[in-house]
Amino acid sequence: MHRYMISFTYKAPQGIGFMSVEWPCKRHIRSMADITKITNDLRSTGYIEAVVLSFSLFADPAPTPASKAAS
């Protein structure tokens, strides 16, 4: 599983909202089709008129429950 930091804007009651979230992906983001899917997922969860501005792959994989317990 790959983890990305996704930054996006959306229509908020006060105007324009800006947000960054950690986004898990089963495969690397490779094309605009991948960004379109993420945009549609954001919109389907309530972010009105969401537009992805940027994304960045985290260097380390997400911790698993077993590795959290060992820390």
PDB file of N, CA and C in Angstrom:
ATOM      1  N   MET A   1       0.853  -1.174   0.000  1.00  0.00           N
ATOM      2  CA  MET A   1       0.000   0.000   0.000  1.00  0.00           C
ATOM      3  C   MET A   1       0.898   1.236   0.000  1.00  0.00           C
ATOM      4  N   HIS A   2       0.586   2.182  -0.850  1.00  0.00           N
ATOM      5  CA  HIS A   2       1.319   3.438  -0.934  1.00  0.00           C
ATOM      6  C   HIS A   2       0.520   4.526  -0.229  1.00  0.00           C
ATOM      7  N   ARG A   3       1.223   5.498   0.334  1.00  0.00           N
ATOM      8  CA  ARG A   3       0.557   6.619   0.999  1.00  0.00           C
ATOM      9  C   ARG A   3       0.963   7.915   0.324  1.00  0.00           C
ATOM     10  N   TYR A   4      -0.025   8.741   0.072  1.00  0.00           N
ATOM     11  CA  TYR A   4       0.215  10.051  -0.530  1.00  0.00           C
ATOM     12  C   TYR A   4      -0.349  11.146   0.359  1.00  0.00           C
ATOM     13  N   MET A   5       0.271  12.320   0.296  1.00  0.00           N
ATOM     14  CA  MET A   5      -0.310  13.520   0.868  1.00  0.00           C
ATOM     15  C   MET A   5      -1.005  14.208  -0.303  1.00  0.00           C
ATOM     16  N   ILE A   6      -2.327  14.354  -0.204  1.00  0.00           N
ATOM     17  CA  ILE A   6      -3.136  14.976  -1.246  1.00  0.00           C
ATOM     18  C   ILE A   6      -3.585  16.345  -0.735  1.00  0.00           C
ATOM     19  N   SER A   7      -3.301  17.396  -1.491  1.00  0.00           N
ATOM     20  CA  SER A   7      -3.771  18.744  -1.156  1.00  0.00           C
ATOM     21  C   SER A   7      -4.841  19.124  -2.166  1.00  0.00           C
ATOM     22  N   PHE A   8      -5.934  19.705  -1.667  1.00  0.00           N
ATOM     23  CA  PHE A   8      -7.032  20.044  -2.561  1.00  0.00           C
ATOM     24  C   PHE A   8      -7.818  21.233  -2.040  1.00  0.00           C
ATOM     25  N   THR A   9      -8.583  21.841  -2.938  1.00  0.00           N
ATOM     26  CA  THR A   9      -9.516  22.901  -2.568  1.00  0.00           C
ATOM     27  C   THR A   9     -10.924  22.364  -2.738  1.00  0.00           C
ATOM     28  N   TYR A  10     -11.869  23.035  -2.092  1.00  0.00           N
ATOM     29  CA  TYR A  10     -13.275  22.662  -2.215  1.00  0.00           C
ATOM     30  C   TYR A  10     -14.130  23.876  -1.890  1.00  0.00           C
ATOM     31  N   LYS A  11     -15.379  23.822  -2.296  1.00  0.00           N
ATOM     32  CA  LYS A  11     -16.312  24.911  -2.018  1.00  0.00           C
ATOM     33  C   LYS A  11     -16.819  24.760  -0.592  1.00  0.00           C
ATOM     34  N   ALA A  12     -16.565  25.791   0.225  1.00  0.00           N
ATOM     35  CA  ALA A  12     -16.975  25.780   1.632  1.00  0.00           C
ATOM     36  C   ALA A  12     -18.036  26.856   1.841  1.00  0.00           C
ATOM     37  N   PRO A  13     -18.793  26.766   2.924  1.00  0.00           N
ATOM     38  CA  PRO A  13     -19.812  27.786   3.191  1.00  0.00           C
ATOM     39  C   PRO A  13     -19.236  29.209   3.243  1.00  0.00           C
ATOM     40  N   GLN A  14     -17.986  29.337   3.685  1.00  0.00           N
ATOM     41  CA  GLN A  14     -17.355  30.655   3.807  1.00  0.00           C
ATOM     42  C   GLN A  14     -16.637  31.082   2.528  1.00  0.00           C
ATOM     43  N   GLY A  15     -16.595  30.247   1.522  1.00  0.00           N
ATOM     44  CA  GLY A  15     -15.862  30.550   0.282  1.00  0.00           C
ATOM     45  C   GLY A  15     -15.121  29.323  -0.201  1.00  0.00           C
ATOM     46  N   ILE A  16     -13.796  29.390  -0.180  1.00  0.00           N
ATOM     47  CA  ILE A  16     -12.975  28.272  -0.644  1.00  0.00           C
ATOM     48  C   ILE A  16     -12.252  27.652   0.541  1.00  0.00           C
ATOM     49  N   GLY A  17     -12.329  26.326   0.648  1.00  0.00           N
ATOM     50  CA  GLY A  17     -11.603  25.607   1.685  1.00  0.00           C
ATOM     51  C   GLY A  17     -10.359  24.974   1.096  1.00  0.00           C
ATOM     52  N   PHE A  18      -9.355  24.791   1.903  1.00  0.00           N
ATOM     53  CA  PHE A  18      -8.111  24.136   1.501  1.00  0.00           C
ATOM     54  C   PHE A  18      -7.823  23.053   2.524  1.00  0.00           C
ATOM     55  N   MET A  19      -7.434  21.883   2.023  1.00  0.00           N
ATOM     56  CA  MET A  19      -7.196  20.770   2.943  1.00  0.00           C
ATOM     57  C   MET A  19      -6.108  19.862   2.394  1.00  0.00           C
ATOM     58  N   SER A  20      -5.397  19.199   3.282  1.00  0.00           N
ATOM     59  CA  SER A  20      -4.431  18.158   2.933  1.00  0.00           C
ATOM     60  C   SER A  20      -4.776  16.921   3.744  1.00  0.00           C
ATOM     61  N   VAL A  21      -4.749  15.770   3.084  1.00  0.00           N
ATOM     62  CA  VAL A  21      -5.074  14.510   3.755  1.00  0.00           C
ATOM     63  C   VAL A  21      -4.084  13.433   3.341  1.00  0.00           C
ATOM     64  N   GLU A  22      -3.934  12.452   4.207  1.00  0.00           N
ATOM     65  CA  GLU A  22      -3.159  11.264   3.861  1.00  0.00           C
ATOM     66  C   GLU A  22      -4.086  10.339   3.086  1.00  0.00           C
ATOM     67  N   TRP A  23      -3.629   9.878   1.921  1.00  0.00           N
ATOM     68  CA  TRP A  23      -4.485   9.088   1.035  1.00  0.00           C
ATOM     69  C   TRP A  23      -3.802   7.764   0.710  1.00  0.00           C
ATOM     70  N   PRO A  24      -4.359   6.632   1.152  1.00  0.00           N
ATOM     71  CA  PRO A  24      -3.765   5.331   0.818  1.00  0.00           C
ATOM     72  C   PRO A  24      -4.147   4.909  -0.603  1.00  0.00           C
ATOM     73  N   CYS A  25      -3.192   4.337  -1.332  1.00  0.00           N
ATOM     74  CA  CYS A  25      -3.431   3.849  -2.699  1.00  0.00           C
ATOM     75  C   CYS A  25      -2.812   2.466  -2.843  1.00  0.00           C
ATOM     76  N   LYS A  26      -3.501   1.592  -3.531  1.00  0.00           N
ATOM     77  CA  LYS A  26      -2.962   0.253  -3.767  1.00  0.00           C
ATOM     78  C   LYS A  26      -1.821   0.271  -4.779  1.00  0.00           C
ATOM     79  N   ARG A  27      -1.817   1.294  -5.662  1.00  0.00           N
ATOM     80  CA  ARG A  27      -0.736   1.411  -6.644  1.00  0.00           C
ATOM     81  C   ARG A  27      -0.344   2.881  -6.751  1.00  0.00           C
ATOM     82  N   HIS A  28       0.781   3.139  -7.386  1.00  0.00           N
ATOM     83  CA  HIS A  28       1.255   4.514  -7.540  1.00  0.00           C
ATOM     84  C   HIS A  28       0.292   5.336  -8.394  1.00  0.00           C
ATOM     85  N   ILE A  29       0.225   6.622  -8.116  1.00  0.00           N
ATOM     86  CA  ILE A  29      -0.508   7.549  -8.981  1.00  0.00           C
ATOM     87  C   ILE A  29       0.345   7.729 -10.236  1.00  0.00           C
ATOM     88  N   ARG A  30      -0.252   7.428 -11.401  1.00  0.00           N
ATOM     89  CA  ARG A  30       0.519   7.452 -12.648  1.00  0.00           C
ATOM     90  C   ARG A  30      -0.037   8.369 -13.719  1.00  0.00           C
ATOM     91  N   SER A  31      -1.301   8.736 -13.601  1.00  0.00           N
ATOM     92  CA  SER A  31      -1.894   9.507 -14.692  1.00  0.00           C
ATOM     93  C   SER A  31      -3.000  10.416 -14.179  1.00  0.00           C
ATOM     94  N   MET A  32      -3.500  11.241 -15.076  1.00  0.00           N
ATOM     95  CA  MET A  32      -4.616  12.121 -14.735  1.00  0.00           C
ATOM     96  C   MET A  32      -5.857  11.301 -14.393  1.00  0.00           C
ATOM     97  N   ALA A  33      -5.981  10.112 -14.953  1.00  0.00           N
ATOM     98  CA  ALA A  33      -7.116   9.242 -14.622  1.00  0.00           C
ATOM     99  C   ALA A  33      -7.108   8.899 -13.128  1.00  0.00           C
ATOM    100  N   ASP A  34      -5.934   8.699 -12.551  1.00  0.00           N
ATOM    101  CA  ASP A  34      -5.831   8.421 -11.111  1.00  0.00           C
ATOM    102  C   ASP A  34      -6.261   9.642 -10.296  1.00  0.00           C
ATOM    103  N   ILE A  35      -5.845  10.824 -10.731  1.00  0.00           N
ATOM    104  CA  ILE A  35      -6.230  12.063 -10.041  1.00  0.00           C
ATOM    105  C   ILE A  35      -7.736  12.281 -10.153  1.00  0.00           C
ATOM    106  N   THR A  36      -8.304  11.989 -11.321  1.00  0.00           N
ATOM    107  CA  THR A  36      -9.753  12.121 -11.511  1.00  0.00           C
ATOM    108  C   THR A  36     -10.503  11.205 -10.560  1.00  0.00           C
ATOM    109  N   LYS A  37     -10.012   9.981 -10.361  1.00  0.00           N
ATOM    110  CA  LYS A  37     -10.663   9.056  -9.428  1.00  0.00           C
ATOM    111  C   LYS A  37     -10.602   9.595  -8.000  1.00  0.00           C
ATOM    112  N   ILE A  38      -9.443  10.123  -7.601  1.00  0.00           N
ATOM    113  CA  ILE A  38      -9.312  10.699  -6.256  1.00  0.00           C
ATOM    114  C   ILE A  38     -10.255  11.887  -6.101  1.00  0.00           C
ATOM    115  N   THR A  39     -10.309  12.749  -7.127  1.00  0.00           N
ATOM    116  CA  THR A  39     -11.213  13.904  -7.105  1.00  0.00           C
ATOM    117  C   THR A  39     -12.658  13.455  -6.941  1.00  0.00           C
ATOM    118  N   ASN A  40     -13.057  12.453  -7.686  1.00  0.00           N
ATOM    119  CA  ASN A  40     -14.432  11.936  -7.585  1.00  0.00           C
ATOM    120  C   ASN A  40     -14.696  11.325  -6.207  1.00  0.00           C
ATOM    121  N   ASP A  41     -13.698  10.645  -5.642  1.00  0.00           N
ATOM    122  CA  ASP A  41     -13.849  10.088  -4.293  1.00  0.00           C
ATOM    123  C   ASP A  41     -14.026  11.207  -3.260  1.00  0.00           C
ATOM    124  N   LEU A  42     -13.241  12.266  -3.394  1.00  0.00           N
ATOM    125  CA  LEU A  42     -13.381  13.410  -2.477  1.00  0.00           C
ATOM    126  C   LEU A  42     -14.768  14.030  -2.594  1.00  0.00           C
ATOM    127  N   ARG A  43     -15.220  14.213  -3.815  1.00  0.00           N
ATOM    128  CA  ARG A  43     -16.540  14.807  -4.039  1.00  0.00           C
ATOM    129  C   ARG A  43     -17.652  13.923  -3.491  1.00  0.00           C
ATOM    130  N   SER A  44     -17.498  12.605  -3.609  1.00  0.00           N
ATOM    131  CA  SER A  44     -18.538  11.700  -3.123  1.00  0.00           C
ATOM    132  C   SER A  44     -18.594  11.647  -1.594  1.00  0.00           C
ATOM    133  N   THR A  45     -17.533  12.106  -0.931  1.00  0.00           N
ATOM    134  CA  THR A  45     -17.537  12.138   0.538  1.00  0.00           C
ATOM    135  C   THR A  45     -17.936  13.505   1.083  1.00  0.00           C
ATOM    136  N   GLY A  46     -18.392  14.408   0.191  1.00  0.00           N
ATOM    137  CA  GLY A  46     -18.946  15.672   0.667  1.00  0.00           C
ATOM    138  C   GLY A  46     -18.144  16.920   0.380  1.00  0.00           C
ATOM    139  N   TYR A  47     -16.979  16.797  -0.235  1.00  0.00           N
ATOM    140  CA  TYR A  47     -16.194  17.985  -0.582  1.00  0.00           C
ATOM    141  C   TYR A  47     -16.709  18.519  -1.920  1.00  0.00           C
ATOM    142  N   ILE A  48     -17.507  19.571  -1.851  1.00  0.00           N
ATOM    143  CA  ILE A  48     -18.168  20.125  -3.035  1.00  0.00           C
ATOM    144  C   ILE A  48     -17.127  20.777  -3.948  1.00  0.00           C
ATOM    145  N   GLU A  49     -17.194  20.426  -5.223  1.00  0.00           N
ATOM    146  CA  GLU A  49     -16.305  20.973  -6.258  1.00  0.00           C
ATOM    147  C   GLU A  49     -14.824  20.816  -5.893  1.00  0.00           C
ATOM    148  N   ALA A  50     -14.468  19.680  -5.296  1.00  0.00           N
ATOM    149  CA  ALA A  50     -13.072  19.427  -4.925  1.00  0.00           C
ATOM    150  C   ALA A  50     -12.186  19.441  -6.167  1.00  0.00           C
ATOM    151  N   VAL A  51     -10.990  20.025  -6.013  1.00  0.00           N
ATOM    152  CA  VAL A  51      -9.982  20.060  -7.079  1.00  0.00           C
ATOM    153  C   VAL A  51      -8.644  19.711  -6.446  1.00  0.00           C
ATOM    154  N   VAL A  52      -8.017  18.634  -6.912  1.00  0.00           N
ATOM    155  CA  VAL A  52      -6.712  18.236  -6.393  1.00  0.00           C
ATOM    156  C   VAL A  52      -5.664  19.224  -6.914  1.00  0.00           C
ATOM    157  N   LEU A  53      -4.885  19.787  -5.988  1.00  0.00           N
ATOM    158  CA  LEU A  53      -3.837  20.734  -6.350  1.00  0.00           C
ATOM    159  C   LEU A  53      -2.480  20.063  -6.468  1.00  0.00           C
ATOM    160  N   SER A  54      -2.207  19.121  -5.566  1.00  0.00           N
ATOM    161  CA  SER A  54      -0.906  18.461  -5.582  1.00  0.00           C
ATOM    162  C   SER A  54      -0.980  17.145  -4.832  1.00  0.00           C
ATOM    163  N   PHE A  55       0.040  16.320  -5.054  1.00  0.00           N
ATOM    164  CA  PHE A  55       0.161  15.067  -4.320  1.00  0.00           C
ATOM    165  C   PHE A  55       1.633  14.749  -4.166  1.00  0.00           C
ATOM    166  N   SER A  56       1.959  14.052  -3.085  1.00  0.00           N
ATOM    167  CA  SER A  56       3.341  13.692  -2.809  1.00  0.00           C
ATOM    168  C   SER A  56       3.369  12.327  -2.124  1.00  0.00           C
ATOM    169  N   LEU A  57       4.198  11.453  -2.637  1.00  0.00           N
ATOM    170  CA  LEU A  57       4.338  10.111  -2.073  1.00  0.00           C
ATOM    171  C   LEU A  57       5.149  10.165  -0.779  1.00  0.00           C
ATOM    172  N   PHE A  58       4.629   9.552   0.288  1.00  0.00           N
ATOM    173  CA  PHE A  58       5.399   9.419   1.513  1.00  0.00           C
ATOM    174  C   PHE A  58       6.555   8.448   1.267  1.00  0.00           C
ATOM    175  N   ALA A  59       7.692   8.706   1.879  1.00  0.00           N
ATOM    176  CA  ALA A  59       8.861   7.857   1.678  1.00  0.00           C
ATOM    177  C   ALA A  59       8.720   6.497   2.355  1.00  0.00           C
ATOM    178  N   ASP A  60       8.088   6.470   3.511  1.00  0.00           N
ATOM    179  CA  ASP A  60       7.961   5.227   4.275  1.00  0.00           C
ATOM    180  C   ASP A  60       6.567   4.645   4.107  1.00  0.00           C
ATOM    181  N   PRO A  61       6.447   3.321   4.126  1.00  0.00           N
ATOM    182  CA  PRO A  61       5.119   2.714   4.087  1.00  0.00           C
ATOM    183  C   PRO A  61       4.352   2.987   5.387  1.00  0.00           C
ATOM    184  N   ALA A  62       3.064   2.857   5.321  1.00  0.00           N
ATOM    185  CA  ALA A  62       2.233   3.047   6.515  1.00  0.00           C
ATOM    186  C   ALA A  62       2.591   1.998   7.556  1.00  0.00           C
ATOM    187  N   PRO A  63       2.612   2.366   8.829  1.00  0.00           N
ATOM    188  CA  PRO A  63       2.896   1.389   9.860  1.00  0.00           C
ATOM    189  C   PRO A  63       1.772   0.374   9.975  1.00  0.00           C
ATOM    190  N   THR A  64       2.128  -0.841  10.284  1.00  0.00           N
ATOM    191  CA  THR A  64       1.135  -1.884  10.508  1.00  0.00           C
ATOM    192  C   THR A  64       0.859  -1.957  12.009  1.00  0.00           C
ATOM    193  N   PRO A  65      -0.266  -2.536  12.413  1.00  0.00           N
ATOM    194  CA  PRO A  65      -0.549  -2.643  13.855  1.00  0.00           C
ATOM    195  C   PRO A  65       0.579  -3.336  14.629  1.00  0.00           C
ATOM    196  N   ALA A  66       1.226  -4.325  14.031  1.00  0.00           N
ATOM    197  CA  ALA A  66       2.299  -5.052  14.722  1.00  0.00           C
ATOM    198  C   ALA A  66       3.507  -4.154  14.928  1.00  0.00           C
ATOM    199  N   SER A  67       3.844  -3.315  13.939  1.00  0.00           N
ATOM    200  CA  SER A  67       5.012  -2.442  14.081  1.00  0.00           C
ATOM    201  C   SER A  67       4.737  -1.304  15.056  1.00  0.00           C
ATOM    202  N   LYS A  68       3.474  -0.882  15.193  1.00  0.00           N
ATOM    203  CA  LYS A  68       3.123   0.142  16.181  1.00  0.00           C
ATOM    204  C   LYS A  68       3.341  -0.398  17.598  1.00  0.00           C
ATOM    205  N   ALA A  69       2.966  -1.650  17.799  1.00  0.00           N
ATOM    206  CA  ALA A  69       3.083  -2.254  19.128  1.00  0.00           C
ATOM    207  C   ALA A  69       4.564  -2.430  19.512  1.00  0.00           C
ATOM    208  N   ALA A  70       5.422  -2.670  18.524  1.00  0.00           N
ATOM    209  CA  ALA A  70       6.834  -2.893  18.800  1.00  0.00           C
ATOM    210  C   ALA A  70       7.566  -1.596  19.118  1.00  0.00           C
ATOM    211  N   SER A  71       6.981  -0.446  18.750  1.00  0.00           N
ATOM    212  CA  SER A  71       7.652   0.843  18.978  1.00  0.00           C
ATOM    213  C   SER A  71       7.668   1.219  20.428  1.00  0.00           C
TER     214      SER A  71
END
